């Protein structure tokens, strides 16, 4: 993935923002940017139209399993972050537990991005 380092940098920015749970809006916006960048890179690797909004996932029918896994992880992160960063969410034990799960997902996504085969594309 050509932009893999930039996406990993965005994930690090999410982790940095999460040091202050009161910054839920900042966390959510950084997560959305990182997930959108990842979804766009996956689409581009397949020669598909890049998504416009966070939460849109594009996979071809014969997508490489590495790309499918990355999209699945992104979807999981997106779902968790919607619950975790909701404006009405209190920042107590639910935050700590939610962030623990989301942080593990971010680690998994970063590991998969770092391990992805640069030639993982769908033949034209």
Protein backbone atom coordinates (compact mmCIF):
# COMPACT_ATOMS: atom_id res chain seq x y z
CA UNK A 1 0.00 0.00 0.00
CA UNK A 2 1.60 3.21 -1.17
CA UNK A 3 0.02 5.32 1.56
CA UNK A 4 0.41 2.74 4.32
CA UNK A 5 2.78 4.92 6.41
CA UNK A 6 0.39 7.88 6.21
CA UNK A 7 -2.51 5.72 7.41
CA UNK A 8 -0.42 4.35 10.28
CA UNK A 9 0.50 7.94 11.19
CA UNK A 10 -3.24 8.75 11.32
CA UNK A 11 -3.82 5.77 13.62
CA UNK A 12 -1.09 7.12 15.90
CA UNK A 13 -2.89 10.48 15.95
CA UNK A 14 -6.05 8.69 17.13
CA UNK A 15 -4.10 7.04 19.95
CA UNK A 16 -2.65 10.40 20.91
CA UNK A 17 -6.09 12.05 21.03
CA UNK A 18 -7.46 9.17 23.13
CA UNK A 19 -5.17 10.15 26.01
CA UNK A 20 -7.93 12.66 26.82
CA UNK A 21 -11.30 10.86 26.73
CA UNK A 22 -12.99 14.26 26.77
CA UNK A 23 -11.76 14.71 23.20
CA UNK A 24 -14.32 12.29 21.76
CA UNK A 25 -15.05 14.54 18.78
CA UNK A 26 -11.35 14.76 17.93
CA UNK A 27 -10.96 11.00 18.29
CA UNK A 28 -13.97 10.34 16.07
CA UNK A 29 -12.85 12.75 13.36
CA UNK A 30 -9.30 11.36 13.31
CA UNK A 31 -10.64 7.82 13.17
CA UNK A 32 -12.93 8.69 10.27
CA UNK A 33 -10.06 10.22 8.32
CA UNK A 34 -7.85 7.18 8.95
CA UNK A 35 -10.60 4.71 8.00
CA UNK A 36 -11.48 6.65 4.87
CA UNK A 37 -7.81 6.75 3.82
CA UNK A 38 -7.57 3.01 4.37
CA UNK A 39 -10.79 2.30 2.43
CA UNK A 40 -9.59 4.50 -0.43
CA UNK A 41 -6.23 2.74 -0.59
CA UNK A 42 -7.93 -0.69 -0.64
CA UNK A 43 -10.24 0.45 -3.44
CA UNK A 44 -7.37 1.93 -5.42
CA UNK A 45 -5.36 -1.30 -5.09
CA UNK A 46 -8.28 -3.12 -6.71
CA UNK A 47 -8.77 -0.54 -9.46
CA UNK A 48 -12.19 0.39 -8.03
CA UNK A 49 -13.76 3.78 -7.44
CA UNK A 50 -12.55 5.25 -4.17
CA UNK A 51 -15.15 5.83 -1.42
CA UNK A 52 -16.15 9.39 -0.64
CA UNK A 53 -17.35 9.02 2.95
CA UNK A 54 -16.10 7.15 6.01
CA UNK A 55 -17.93 3.87 6.50
CA UNK A 56 -18.06 3.03 2.80
CA UNK A 57 -16.21 -0.17 1.95
CA UNK A 58 -15.39 -1.27 -1.58
CA UNK A 59 -14.30 -4.81 -2.40
CA UNK A 60 -14.38 -6.75 -5.63
CA UNK A 61 -15.82 -10.26 -5.64
CA UNK A 62 -12.36 -11.77 -5.99
CA UNK A 63 -10.52 -9.41 -3.64
CA UNK A 64 -7.30 -10.58 -2.07
CA UNK A 65 -7.93 -12.07 1.41
CA UNK A 66 -5.53 -9.53 2.94
CA UNK A 67 -7.70 -6.70 1.64
CA UNK A 68 -10.89 -8.39 2.81
CA UNK A 69 -9.44 -8.70 6.31
CA UNK A 70 -8.37 -5.05 6.37
CA UNK A 71 -11.87 -3.94 5.35
CA UNK A 72 -13.42 -6.18 8.03
CA UNK A 73 -11.16 -4.66 10.69
CA UNK A 74 -11.98 -1.13 9.47
CA UNK A 75 -15.69 -1.93 9.65
CA UNK A 76 -15.29 -3.22 13.22
CA UNK A 77 -13.40 -0.07 14.22
CA UNK A 78 -16.07 2.09 12.59
CA UNK A 79 -18.85 0.33 14.50
CA UNK A 80 -17.04 0.47 17.85
CA UNK A 81 -16.15 4.13 17.41
CA UNK A 82 -19.75 5.10 16.69
CA UNK A 83 -20.76 3.70 20.08
CA UNK A 84 -17.69 4.85 21.96
CA UNK A 85 -17.60 8.43 20.66
CA UNK A 86 -21.34 9.13 20.89
CA UNK A 87 -21.88 12.57 22.45
CA UNK A 88 -24.05 11.11 25.21
CA UNK A 89 -21.49 8.47 26.15
CA UNK A 90 -20.19 8.92 29.68
CA UNK A 91 -16.45 8.73 30.13
CA UNK A 92 -16.18 6.25 32.94
CA UNK A 93 -15.78 2.47 32.92
CA UNK A 94 -17.57 2.26 29.57
CA UNK A 95 -14.96 4.55 28.04
CA UNK A 96 -12.10 2.51 29.46
CA UNK A 97 -13.56 -0.79 28.25
CA UNK A 98 -14.60 0.64 24.88
CA UNK A 99 -11.22 2.23 24.30
CA UNK A 100 -9.44 -1.00 25.27
CA UNK A 101 -11.39 -2.88 22.57
CA UNK A 102 -10.97 -0.12 19.99
CA UNK A 103 -7.27 0.17 20.73
CA UNK A 104 -6.82 -3.57 20.17
CA UNK A 105 -8.62 -3.18 16.81
CA UNK A 106 -6.30 -0.30 15.86
CA UNK A 107 -3.28 -2.44 16.73
CA UNK A 108 -4.64 -5.29 14.61
CA UNK A 109 -5.30 -2.96 11.67
CA UNK A 110 -1.81 -1.51 11.91
CA UNK A 111 -0.27 -4.99 12.00
CA UNK A 112 -2.25 -6.04 8.92
CA UNK A 113 -1.33 -2.87 7.06
CA UNK A 114 2.34 -3.39 7.84
CA UNK A 115 2.18 -7.00 6.68
CA UNK A 116 0.19 -6.48 3.49
CA UNK A 117 1.69 -7.78 0.30
CA UNK A 118 2.46 -4.77 -1.92
CA UNK A 119 1.36 -6.80 -4.93
CA UNK A 120 -2.05 -7.62 -3.45
CA UNK A 121 -4.30 -6.43 -6.23
CA UNK A 122 -7.12 -7.87 -8.23
CA UNK A 123 -6.16 -8.68 -11.82
CA UNK A 124 -7.77 -6.40 -14.40
